[in-house]
Full PDB file with SEQRES, HELIX, SHEET, SSBOND, CRYST1, ORIGX, SCALE, CONECT and MASTER records, all heavy atoms in Angstrom:
SEQRES   1 A   31  TRP PHE PHE TYR LYS MET SER LEU VAL THR GLU VAL VAL          
SEQRES   2 A   31  PRO GLY GLU LEU ARG VAL ARG PHE TRP PRO PHE HIS LEU          
SEQRES   3 A   31  LYS PRO VAL THR ILE                                          
HELIX    1 AA1 PHE A    2  LYS A    5  1                                   4    
SHEET    1 AA1 3 SER A   7  VAL A  13  0                                        
SHEET    2 AA1 3 GLU A  16  TRP A  22 -1                                        
SHEET    3 AA1 3 VAL A  29  THR A  30 -1                                        
CRYST1    1.000    1.000    1.000  90.00  90.00  90.00 P 1           1          
ORIGX1      1.000000  0.000000  0.000000        0.00000                         
ORIGX2      0.000000  1.000000  0.000000        0.00000                         
ORIGX3      0.000000  0.000000  1.000000        0.00000                         
SCALE1      1.000000  0.000000  0.000000        0.00000                         
SCALE2      0.000000  1.000000  0.000000        0.00000                         
SCALE3      0.000000  0.000000  1.000000        0.00000                         
ATOM      1  N   TRP A   1     -13.949   8.376   9.950  1.00  0.00           N  
ATOM      2  CA  TRP A   1     -12.587   7.988  10.346  1.00  0.00           C  
ATOM      3  C   TRP A   1     -12.036   6.936   9.393  1.00  0.00           C  
ATOM      4  O   TRP A   1     -10.886   7.017   8.972  1.00  0.00           O  
ATOM      5  CB  TRP A   1     -12.583   7.461  11.784  1.00  0.00           C  
ATOM      6  CG  TRP A   1     -11.226   7.035  12.233  1.00  0.00           C  
ATOM      7  CD1 TRP A   1     -10.228   7.822  12.732  1.00  0.00           C  
ATOM      8  CD2 TRP A   1     -10.694   5.705  12.216  1.00  0.00           C  
ATOM      9  NE1 TRP A   1      -9.118   7.076  13.027  1.00  0.00           N  
ATOM     10  CE2 TRP A   1      -9.381   5.764  12.713  1.00  0.00           C  
ATOM     11  CE3 TRP A   1     -11.206   4.478  11.819  1.00  0.00           C  
ATOM     12  CZ2 TRP A   1      -8.574   4.650  12.812  1.00  0.00           C  
ATOM     13  CZ3 TRP A   1     -10.398   3.364  11.928  1.00  0.00           C  
ATOM     14  CH2 TRP A   1      -9.100   3.452  12.424  1.00  0.00           C  
ATOM     15  N   PHE A   2     -12.866   5.938   9.048  1.00  0.00           N  
ATOM     16  CA  PHE A   2     -12.457   4.873   8.138  1.00  0.00           C  
ATOM     17  C   PHE A   2     -12.014   5.448   6.794  1.00  0.00           C  
ATOM     18  O   PHE A   2     -10.945   5.106   6.281  1.00  0.00           O  
ATOM     19  CB  PHE A   2     -13.611   3.878   7.953  1.00  0.00           C  
ATOM     20  CG  PHE A   2     -13.306   2.748   7.030  1.00  0.00           C  
ATOM     21  CD1 PHE A   2     -12.504   1.698   7.444  1.00  0.00           C  
ATOM     22  CD2 PHE A   2     -13.836   2.722   5.745  1.00  0.00           C  
ATOM     23  CE1 PHE A   2     -12.230   0.635   6.583  1.00  0.00           C  
ATOM     24  CE2 PHE A   2     -13.571   1.667   4.891  1.00  0.00           C  
ATOM     25  CZ  PHE A   2     -12.764   0.625   5.313  1.00  0.00           C  
ATOM     26  N   PHE A   3     -12.810   6.336   6.221  1.00  0.00           N  
ATOM     27  CA  PHE A   3     -12.449   6.921   4.926  1.00  0.00           C  
ATOM     28  C   PHE A   3     -11.265   7.874   5.036  1.00  0.00           C  
ATOM     29  O   PHE A   3     -10.481   7.996   4.108  1.00  0.00           O  
ATOM     30  CB  PHE A   3     -13.651   7.619   4.280  1.00  0.00           C  
ATOM     31  CG  PHE A   3     -14.484   6.687   3.463  1.00  0.00           C  
ATOM     32  CD1 PHE A   3     -15.507   5.966   4.045  1.00  0.00           C  
ATOM     33  CD2 PHE A   3     -14.223   6.498   2.126  1.00  0.00           C  
ATOM     34  CE1 PHE A   3     -16.265   5.088   3.314  1.00  0.00           C  
ATOM     35  CE2 PHE A   3     -14.975   5.614   1.361  1.00  0.00           C  
ATOM     36  CZ  PHE A   3     -16.003   4.903   1.969  1.00  0.00           C  
ATOM     37  N   TYR A   4     -11.135   8.566   6.161  1.00  0.00           N  
ATOM     38  CA  TYR A   4      -9.987   9.454   6.355  1.00  0.00           C  
ATOM     39  C   TYR A   4      -8.690   8.654   6.439  1.00  0.00           C  
ATOM     40  O   TYR A   4      -7.668   9.051   5.890  1.00  0.00           O  
ATOM     41  CB  TYR A   4     -10.175  10.295   7.617  1.00  0.00           C  
ATOM     42  CG  TYR A   4      -8.958  11.127   7.930  1.00  0.00           C  
ATOM     43  CD1 TYR A   4      -8.668  12.269   7.182  1.00  0.00           C  
ATOM     44  CD2 TYR A   4      -8.085  10.766   8.954  1.00  0.00           C  
ATOM     45  CE1 TYR A   4      -7.537  13.021   7.445  1.00  0.00           C  
ATOM     46  CE2 TYR A   4      -6.960  11.518   9.215  1.00  0.00           C  
ATOM     47  CZ  TYR A   4      -6.683  12.638   8.467  1.00  0.00           C  
ATOM     48  OH  TYR A   4      -5.559  13.377   8.719  1.00  0.00           O  
ATOM     49  N   LYS A   5      -8.708   7.525   7.126  1.00  0.00           N  
ATOM     50  CA  LYS A   5      -7.510   6.707   7.307  1.00  0.00           C  
ATOM     51  C   LYS A   5      -7.170   5.850   6.093  1.00  0.00           C  
ATOM     52  O   LYS A   5      -6.041   5.414   5.935  1.00  0.00           O  
ATOM     53  CB  LYS A   5      -7.660   5.801   8.536  1.00  0.00           C  
ATOM     54  CG  LYS A   5      -7.729   6.553   9.843  1.00  0.00           C  
ATOM     55  CD  LYS A   5      -6.478   7.359  10.114  1.00  0.00           C  
ATOM     56  CE  LYS A   5      -5.346   6.471  10.567  1.00  0.00           C  
ATOM     57  NZ  LYS A   5      -4.126   7.196  10.898  1.00  0.00           N  
ATOM     58  N   MET A   6      -8.159   5.581   5.242  1.00  0.00           N  
ATOM     59  CA  MET A   6      -7.922   4.755   4.065  1.00  0.00           C  
ATOM     60  C   MET A   6      -6.894   5.444   3.171  1.00  0.00           C  
ATOM     61  O   MET A   6      -7.003   6.645   2.907  1.00  0.00           O  
ATOM     62  CB  MET A   6      -9.235   4.562   3.297  1.00  0.00           C  
ATOM     63  CG  MET A   6      -9.214   3.416   2.343  1.00  0.00           C  
ATOM     64  SD  MET A   6     -10.780   3.202   1.464  1.00  0.00           S  
ATOM     65  CE  MET A   6     -11.948   3.053   2.776  1.00  0.00           C  
ATOM     66  N   SER A   7      -5.885   4.698   2.725  1.00  0.00           N  
ATOM     67  CA  SER A   7      -4.859   5.315   1.901  1.00  0.00           C  
ATOM     68  C   SER A   7      -4.237   4.300   0.956  1.00  0.00           C  
ATOM     69  O   SER A   7      -4.241   3.099   1.212  1.00  0.00           O  
ATOM     70  CB  SER A   7      -3.778   5.948   2.771  1.00  0.00           C  
ATOM     71  OG  SER A   7      -3.086   4.949   3.506  1.00  0.00           O  
ATOM     72  N   LEU A   8      -3.705   4.822  -0.118  1.00  0.00           N  
ATOM     73  CA  LEU A   8      -2.966   4.032  -1.091  1.00  0.00           C  
ATOM     74  C   LEU A   8      -1.519   4.484  -1.026  1.00  0.00           C  
ATOM     75  O   LEU A   8      -1.220   5.649  -1.287  1.00  0.00           O  
ATOM     76  CB  LEU A   8      -3.526   4.241  -2.499  1.00  0.00           C  
ATOM     77  CG  LEU A   8      -2.765   3.586  -3.645  1.00  0.00           C  
ATOM     78  CD1 LEU A   8      -2.807   2.060  -3.518  1.00  0.00           C  
ATOM     79  CD2 LEU A   8      -3.348   4.020  -4.980  1.00  0.00           C  
ATOM     80  N   VAL A   9      -0.633   3.576  -0.637  1.00  0.00           N  
ATOM     81  CA  VAL A   9       0.789   3.883  -0.557  1.00  0.00           C  
ATOM     82  C   VAL A   9       1.501   3.120  -1.663  1.00  0.00           C  
ATOM     83  O   VAL A   9       1.374   1.898  -1.762  1.00  0.00           O  
ATOM     84  CB  VAL A   9       1.383   3.511   0.819  1.00  0.00           C  
ATOM     85  CG1 VAL A   9       2.882   3.769   0.846  1.00  0.00           C  
ATOM     86  CG2 VAL A   9       0.687   4.283   1.918  1.00  0.00           C  
ATOM     87  N   THR A  10       2.236   3.841  -2.482  1.00  0.00           N  
ATOM     88  CA  THR A  10       3.010   3.244  -3.567  1.00  0.00           C  
ATOM     89  C   THR A  10       4.482   3.516  -3.289  1.00  0.00           C  
ATOM     90  O   THR A  10       4.863   4.667  -3.054  1.00  0.00           O  
ATOM     91  CB  THR A  10       2.623   3.880  -4.921  1.00  0.00           C  
ATOM     92  OG1 THR A  10       1.212   3.779  -5.085  1.00  0.00           O  
ATOM     93  CG2 THR A  10       3.324   3.197  -6.068  1.00  0.00           C  
ATOM     94  N   GLU A  11       5.282   2.466  -3.301  1.00  0.00           N  
ATOM     95  CA  GLU A  11       6.721   2.591  -3.091  1.00  0.00           C  
ATOM     96  C   GLU A  11       7.458   1.868  -4.206  1.00  0.00           C  
ATOM     97  O   GLU A  11       7.044   0.782  -4.622  1.00  0.00           O  
ATOM     98  CB  GLU A  11       7.159   1.966  -1.768  1.00  0.00           C  
ATOM     99  CG  GLU A  11       6.878   2.775  -0.564  1.00  0.00           C  
ATOM    100  CD  GLU A  11       7.468   2.151   0.692  1.00  0.00           C  
ATOM    101  OE1 GLU A  11       7.845   0.960   0.682  1.00  0.00           O  
ATOM    102  OE2 GLU A  11       7.546   2.872   1.683  1.00  0.00           O  
ATOM    103  N   VAL A  12       8.538   2.476  -4.643  1.00  0.00           N  
ATOM    104  CA  VAL A  12       9.425   1.826  -5.599  1.00  0.00           C  
ATOM    105  C   VAL A  12      10.783   1.707  -4.939  1.00  0.00           C  
ATOM    106  O   VAL A  12      11.336   2.693  -4.447  1.00  0.00           O  
ATOM    107  CB  VAL A  12       9.531   2.639  -6.915  1.00  0.00           C  
ATOM    108  CG1 VAL A  12      10.483   1.955  -7.882  1.00  0.00           C  
ATOM    109  CG2 VAL A  12       8.158   2.822  -7.554  1.00  0.00           C  
ATOM    110  N   VAL A  13      11.278   0.485  -4.884  1.00  0.00           N  
ATOM    111  CA  VAL A  13      12.614   0.190  -4.356  1.00  0.00           C  
ATOM    112  C   VAL A  13      13.343  -0.592  -5.443  1.00  0.00           C  
ATOM    113  O   VAL A  13      12.717  -1.066  -6.393  1.00  0.00           O  
ATOM    114  CB  VAL A  13      12.546  -0.614  -3.030  1.00  0.00           C  
ATOM    115  CG1 VAL A  13      11.845   0.199  -1.952  1.00  0.00           C  
ATOM    116  CG2 VAL A  13      11.875  -1.945  -3.228  1.00  0.00           C  
ATOM    117  N   PRO A  14      14.656  -0.748  -5.353  1.00  0.00           N  
ATOM    118  CA  PRO A  14      15.366  -1.481  -6.400  1.00  0.00           C  
ATOM    119  C   PRO A  14      14.744  -2.854  -6.673  1.00  0.00           C  
ATOM    120  O   PRO A  14      14.612  -3.686  -5.780  1.00  0.00           O  
ATOM    121  CB  PRO A  14      16.784  -1.618  -5.840  1.00  0.00           C  
ATOM    122  CG  PRO A  14      16.937  -0.391  -4.985  1.00  0.00           C  
ATOM    123  CD  PRO A  14      15.581  -0.199  -4.357  1.00  0.00           C  
ATOM    124  N   GLY A  15      14.296  -3.049  -7.894  1.00  0.00           N  
ATOM    125  CA  GLY A  15      13.743  -4.322  -8.332  1.00  0.00           C  
ATOM    126  C   GLY A  15      12.291  -4.572  -7.990  1.00  0.00           C  
ATOM    127  O   GLY A  15      11.725  -5.568  -8.447  1.00  0.00           O  
ATOM    128  N   GLU A  16      11.646  -3.689  -7.224  1.00  0.00           N  
ATOM    129  CA  GLU A  16      10.275  -3.946  -6.779  1.00  0.00           C  
ATOM    130  C   GLU A  16       9.407  -2.690  -6.769  1.00  0.00           C  
ATOM    131  O   GLU A  16       9.898  -1.586  -6.549  1.00  0.00           O  
ATOM    132  CB  GLU A  16      10.255  -4.508  -5.357  1.00  0.00           C  
ATOM    133  CG  GLU A  16      10.855  -5.860  -5.194  1.00  0.00           C  
ATOM    134  CD  GLU A  16      10.814  -6.338  -3.754  1.00  0.00           C  
ATOM    135  OE1 GLU A  16      10.494  -5.544  -2.834  1.00  0.00           O  
ATOM    136  OE2 GLU A  16      11.104  -7.515  -3.542  1.00  0.00           O  
ATOM    137  N   LEU A  17       8.130  -2.924  -6.974  1.00  0.00           N  
ATOM    138  CA  LEU A  17       7.100  -1.902  -6.783  1.00  0.00           C  
ATOM    139  C   LEU A  17       6.180  -2.463  -5.717  1.00  0.00           C  
ATOM    140  O   LEU A  17       5.747  -3.614  -5.810  1.00  0.00           O  
ATOM    141  CB  LEU A  17       6.326  -1.664  -8.083  1.00  0.00           C  
ATOM    142  CG  LEU A  17       5.119  -0.753  -7.980  1.00  0.00           C  
ATOM    143  CD1 LEU A  17       5.558   0.699  -8.069  1.00  0.00           C  
ATOM    144  CD2 LEU A  17       4.128  -1.046  -9.065  1.00  0.00           C  
ATOM    145  N   ARG A  18       5.893  -1.675  -4.697  1.00  0.00           N  
ATOM    146  CA  ARG A  18       5.032  -2.117  -3.604  1.00  0.00           C  
ATOM    147  C   ARG A  18       3.810  -1.208  -3.531  1.00  0.00           C  
ATOM    148  O   ARG A  18       3.941   0.004  -3.540  1.00  0.00           O  
ATOM    149  CB  ARG A  18       5.781  -2.071  -2.282  1.00  0.00           C  
ATOM    150  CG  ARG A  18       6.981  -2.976  -2.249  1.00  0.00           C  
ATOM    151  CD  ARG A  18       7.746  -2.811  -0.974  1.00  0.00           C  
ATOM    152  NE  ARG A  18       8.949  -3.623  -0.996  1.00  0.00           N  
ATOM    153  CZ  ARG A  18      10.001  -3.389  -0.230  1.00  0.00           C  
ATOM    154  NH1 ARG A  18       9.996  -2.378   0.609  1.00  0.00           N  
ATOM    155  NH2 ARG A  18      11.049  -4.170  -0.307  1.00  0.00           N  
ATOM    156  N   VAL A  19       2.646  -1.846  -3.425  1.00  0.00           N  
ATOM    157  CA  VAL A  19       1.391  -1.118  -3.350  1.00  0.00           C  
ATOM    158  C   VAL A  19       0.636  -1.630  -2.128  1.00  0.00           C  
ATOM    159  O   VAL A  19       0.469  -2.834  -1.954  1.00  0.00           O  
ATOM    160  CB  VAL A  19       0.532  -1.339  -4.615  1.00  0.00           C  
ATOM    161  CG1 VAL A  19      -0.766  -0.573  -4.519  1.00  0.00           C  
ATOM    162  CG2 VAL A  19       1.293  -0.941  -5.849  1.00  0.00           C  
ATOM    163  N   ARG A  20       0.193  -0.696  -1.291  1.00  0.00           N  
ATOM    164  CA  ARG A  20      -0.572  -1.081  -0.106  1.00  0.00           C  
ATOM    165  C   ARG A  20      -1.797  -0.186   0.002  1.00  0.00           C  
ATOM    166  O   ARG A  20      -1.676   1.031   0.097  1.00  0.00           O  
ATOM    167  CB  ARG A  20       0.271  -0.947   1.152  1.00  0.00           C  
ATOM    168  CG  ARG A  20      -0.507  -1.382   2.382  1.00  0.00           C  
ATOM    169  CD  ARG A  20       0.387  -1.439   3.590  1.00  0.00           C  
ATOM    170  NE  ARG A  20      -0.385  -1.887   4.737  1.00  0.00           N  
ATOM    171  CZ  ARG A  20      -0.265  -1.383   5.941  1.00  0.00           C  
ATOM    172  NH1 ARG A  20       0.622  -0.444   6.180  1.00  0.00           N  
ATOM    173  NH2 ARG A  20      -1.009  -1.828   6.924  1.00  0.00           N  
ATOM    174  N   PHE A  21      -2.956  -0.809  -0.032  1.00  0.00           N  
ATOM    175  CA  PHE A  21      -4.215  -0.088   0.104  1.00  0.00           C  
ATOM    176  C   PHE A  21      -4.754  -0.402   1.493  1.00  0.00           C  
ATOM    177  O   PHE A  21      -5.396  -1.419   1.708  1.00  0.00           O  
ATOM    178  CB  PHE A  21      -5.198  -0.545  -0.983  1.00  0.00           C  
ATOM    179  CG  PHE A  21      -6.292   0.438  -1.260  1.00  0.00           C  
ATOM    180  CD1 PHE A  21      -6.459   0.965  -2.514  1.00  0.00           C  
ATOM    181  CD2 PHE A  21      -7.165   0.835  -0.266  1.00  0.00           C  
ATOM    182  CE1 PHE A  21      -7.470   1.861  -2.784  1.00  0.00           C  
ATOM    183  CE2 PHE A  21      -8.176   1.734  -0.510  1.00  0.00           C  
ATOM    184  CZ  PHE A  21      -8.325   2.247  -1.788  1.00  0.00           C  
ATOM    185  N   TRP A  22      -4.445   0.504   2.453  1.00  0.00           N  
ATOM    186  CA  TRP A  22      -4.865   0.286   3.836  1.00  0.00           C  
ATOM    187  C   TRP A  22      -6.342   0.610   3.977  1.00  0.00           C  
ATOM    188  O   TRP A  22      -6.780   1.606   3.401  1.00  0.00           O  
ATOM    189  CB  TRP A  22      -4.051   1.163   4.786  1.00  0.00           C  
ATOM    190  CG  TRP A  22      -4.273   0.772   6.201  1.00  0.00           C  
ATOM    191  CD1 TRP A  22      -3.570  -0.143   6.922  1.00  0.00           C  
ATOM    192  CD2 TRP A  22      -5.292   1.263   7.076  1.00  0.00           C  
ATOM    193  NE1 TRP A  22      -4.096  -0.251   8.179  1.00  0.00           N  
ATOM    194  CE2 TRP A  22      -5.162   0.597   8.304  1.00  0.00           C  
ATOM    195  CE3 TRP A  22      -6.331   2.173   6.948  1.00  0.00           C  
ATOM    196  CZ2 TRP A  22      -6.000   0.822   9.380  1.00  0.00           C  
ATOM    197  CZ3 TRP A  22      -7.166   2.404   8.014  1.00  0.00           C  
ATOM    198  CH2 TRP A  22      -6.993   1.740   9.216  1.00  0.00           C  
ATOM    199  N   PRO A  23      -7.132  -0.161   4.618  1.00  0.00           N  
ATOM    200  CA  PRO A  23      -6.901  -1.285   5.519  1.00  0.00           C  
ATOM    201  C   PRO A  23      -7.062  -2.647   4.860  1.00  0.00           C  
ATOM    202  O   PRO A  23      -7.072  -3.660   5.540  1.00  0.00           O  
ATOM    203  CB  PRO A  23      -7.984  -1.091   6.575  1.00  0.00           C  
ATOM    204  CG  PRO A  23      -9.151  -0.584   5.789  1.00  0.00           C  
ATOM    205  CD  PRO A  23      -8.540   0.296   4.713  1.00  0.00           C  
ATOM    206  N   PHE A  24      -7.177  -2.687   3.543  1.00  0.00           N  
ATOM    207  CA  PHE A  24      -7.446  -3.945   2.859  1.00  0.00           C  
ATOM    208  C   PHE A  24      -6.204  -4.806   2.685  1.00  0.00           C  
ATOM    209  O   PHE A  24      -6.312  -6.023   2.570  1.00  0.00           O  
ATOM    210  CB  PHE A  24      -8.124  -3.675   1.518  1.00  0.00           C  
ATOM    211  CG  PHE A  24      -9.372  -2.859   1.685  1.00  0.00           C  
ATOM    212  CD1 PHE A  24      -9.411  -1.523   1.319  1.00  0.00           C  
ATOM    213  CD2 PHE A  24     -10.502  -3.408   2.262  1.00  0.00           C  
ATOM    214  CE1 PHE A  24     -10.552  -0.769   1.488  1.00  0.00           C  
ATOM    215  CE2 PHE A  24     -11.655  -2.655   2.451  1.00  0.00           C  
ATOM    216  CZ  PHE A  24     -11.671  -1.332   2.058  1.00  0.00           C  
ATOM    217  N   HIS A  25      -5.049  -4.185   2.627  1.00  0.00           N  
ATOM    218  CA  HIS A  25      -3.786  -4.927   2.555  1.00  0.00           C  
ATOM    219  C   HIS A  25      -3.050  -4.756   3.875  1.00  0.00           C  
ATOM    220  O   HIS A  25      -2.662  -3.642   4.229  1.00  0.00           O  
ATOM    221  CB  HIS A  25      -2.889  -4.382   1.447  1.00  0.00           C  
ATOM    222  CG  HIS A  25      -3.440  -4.561   0.075  1.00  0.00           C  
ATOM    223  ND1 HIS A  25      -3.281  -3.614  -0.895  1.00  0.00           N  
ATOM    224  CD2 HIS A  25      -4.133  -5.572  -0.493  1.00  0.00           C  
ATOM    225  CE1 HIS A  25      -3.861  -4.029  -2.006  1.00  0.00           C  
ATOM    226  NE2 HIS A  25      -4.394  -5.208  -1.787  1.00  0.00           N  
ATOM    227  N   LEU A  26      -2.850  -5.838   4.581  1.00  0.00           N  
ATOM    228  CA  LEU A  26      -2.063  -5.756   5.816  1.00  0.00           C  
ATOM    229  C   LEU A  26      -0.584  -5.645   5.490  1.00  0.00           C  
ATOM    230  O   LEU A  26       0.164  -4.996   6.205  1.00  0.00           O  
ATOM    231  CB  LEU A  26      -2.338  -6.969   6.706  1.00  0.00           C  
ATOM    232  CG  LEU A  26      -3.794  -7.097   7.163  1.00  0.00           C  
ATOM    233  CD1 LEU A  26      -3.984  -8.348   8.002  1.00  0.00           C  
ATOM    234  CD2 LEU A  26      -4.243  -5.862   7.931  1.00  0.00           C  
ATOM    235  N   LYS A  27      -0.182  -6.289   4.406  1.00  0.00           N  
ATOM    236  CA  LYS A  27       1.186  -6.179   3.898  1.00  0.00           C  
ATOM    237  C   LYS A  27       1.107  -5.660   2.469  1.00  0.00           C  
ATOM    238  O   LYS A  27       0.111  -5.908   1.775  1.00  0.00           O  
ATOM    239  CB  LYS A  27       1.880  -7.546   3.907  1.00  0.00           C  
ATOM    240  CG  LYS A  27       2.061  -8.130   5.283  1.00  0.00           C  
ATOM    241  CD  LYS A  27       2.924  -9.390   5.278  1.00  0.00           C  
ATOM    242  CE  LYS A  27       2.462 -10.387   4.238  1.00  0.00           C  
ATOM    243  NZ  LYS A  27       3.176 -11.663   4.286  1.00  0.00           N  
ATOM    244  N   PRO A  28       2.125  -4.965   2.012  1.00  0.00           N  
ATOM    245  CA  PRO A  28       2.088  -4.457   0.638  1.00  0.00           C  
ATOM    246  C   PRO A  28       2.047  -5.586  -0.395  1.00  0.00           C  
ATOM    247  O   PRO A  28       2.613  -6.656  -0.180  1.00  0.00           O  
ATOM    248  CB  PRO A  28       3.390  -3.669   0.496  1.00  0.00           C  
ATOM    249  CG  PRO A  28       3.884  -3.455   1.871  1.00  0.00           C  
ATOM    250  CD  PRO A  28       3.331  -4.541   2.722  1.00  0.00           C  
ATOM    251  N   VAL A  29       1.376  -5.322  -1.508  1.00  0.00           N  
ATOM    252  CA  VAL A  29       1.439  -6.207  -2.663  1.00  0.00           C  
ATOM    253  C   VAL A  29       2.754  -5.882  -3.362  1.00  0.00           C  
ATOM    254  O   VAL A  29       3.005  -4.725  -3.717  1.00  0.00           O  
ATOM    255  CB  VAL A  29       0.240  -5.961  -3.612  1.00  0.00           C  
ATOM    256  CG1 VAL A  29       0.396  -6.752  -4.892  1.00  0.00           C  
ATOM    257  CG2 VAL A  29      -1.059  -6.276  -2.908  1.00  0.00           C  
ATOM    258  N   THR A  30       3.601  -6.878  -3.530  1.00  0.00           N  
ATOM    259  CA  THR A  30       4.920  -6.666  -4.120  1.00  0.00           C  
ATOM    260  C   THR A  30       4.926  -7.140  -5.564  1.00  0.00           C  
ATOM    261  O   THR A  30       4.529  -8.270  -5.857  1.00  0.00           O  
ATOM    262  CB  THR A  30       5.997  -7.416  -3.316  1.00  0.00           C  
ATOM    263  OG1 THR A  30       5.969  -6.938  -1.967  1.00  0.00           O  
ATOM    264  CG2 THR A  30       7.374  -7.194  -3.898  1.00  0.00           C  
ATOM    265  N   ILE A  31       5.383  -6.271  -6.446  1.00  0.00           N  
ATOM    266  CA  ILE A  31       5.483  -6.589  -7.865  1.00  0.00           C  
ATOM    267  C   ILE A  31       6.962  -6.578  -8.216  1.00  0.00           C  
ATOM    268  O   ILE A  31       7.630  -5.546  -8.077  1.00  0.00           O  
ATOM    269  CB  ILE A  31       4.721  -5.554  -8.713  1.00  0.00           C  
ATOM    270  CG1 ILE A  31       3.241  -5.582  -8.328  1.00  0.00           C  
ATOM    271  CG2 ILE A  31       4.934  -5.806 -10.191  1.00  0.00           C  
ATOM    272  CD1 ILE A  31       2.472  -4.349  -8.708  1.00  0.00           C  
TER     273      ILE A  31                                                      
MASTER        0    0    0    1    3    0    0    6  272    1    0    3          
END                                                                             
């Protein structure tokens, strides 16, 4: 279950790139 739920979400919004590696990041890392 842990490995199935683990995910890397990458989002690009104006001016920012957000990366969230669940469950290690509770909030996205914002660049």
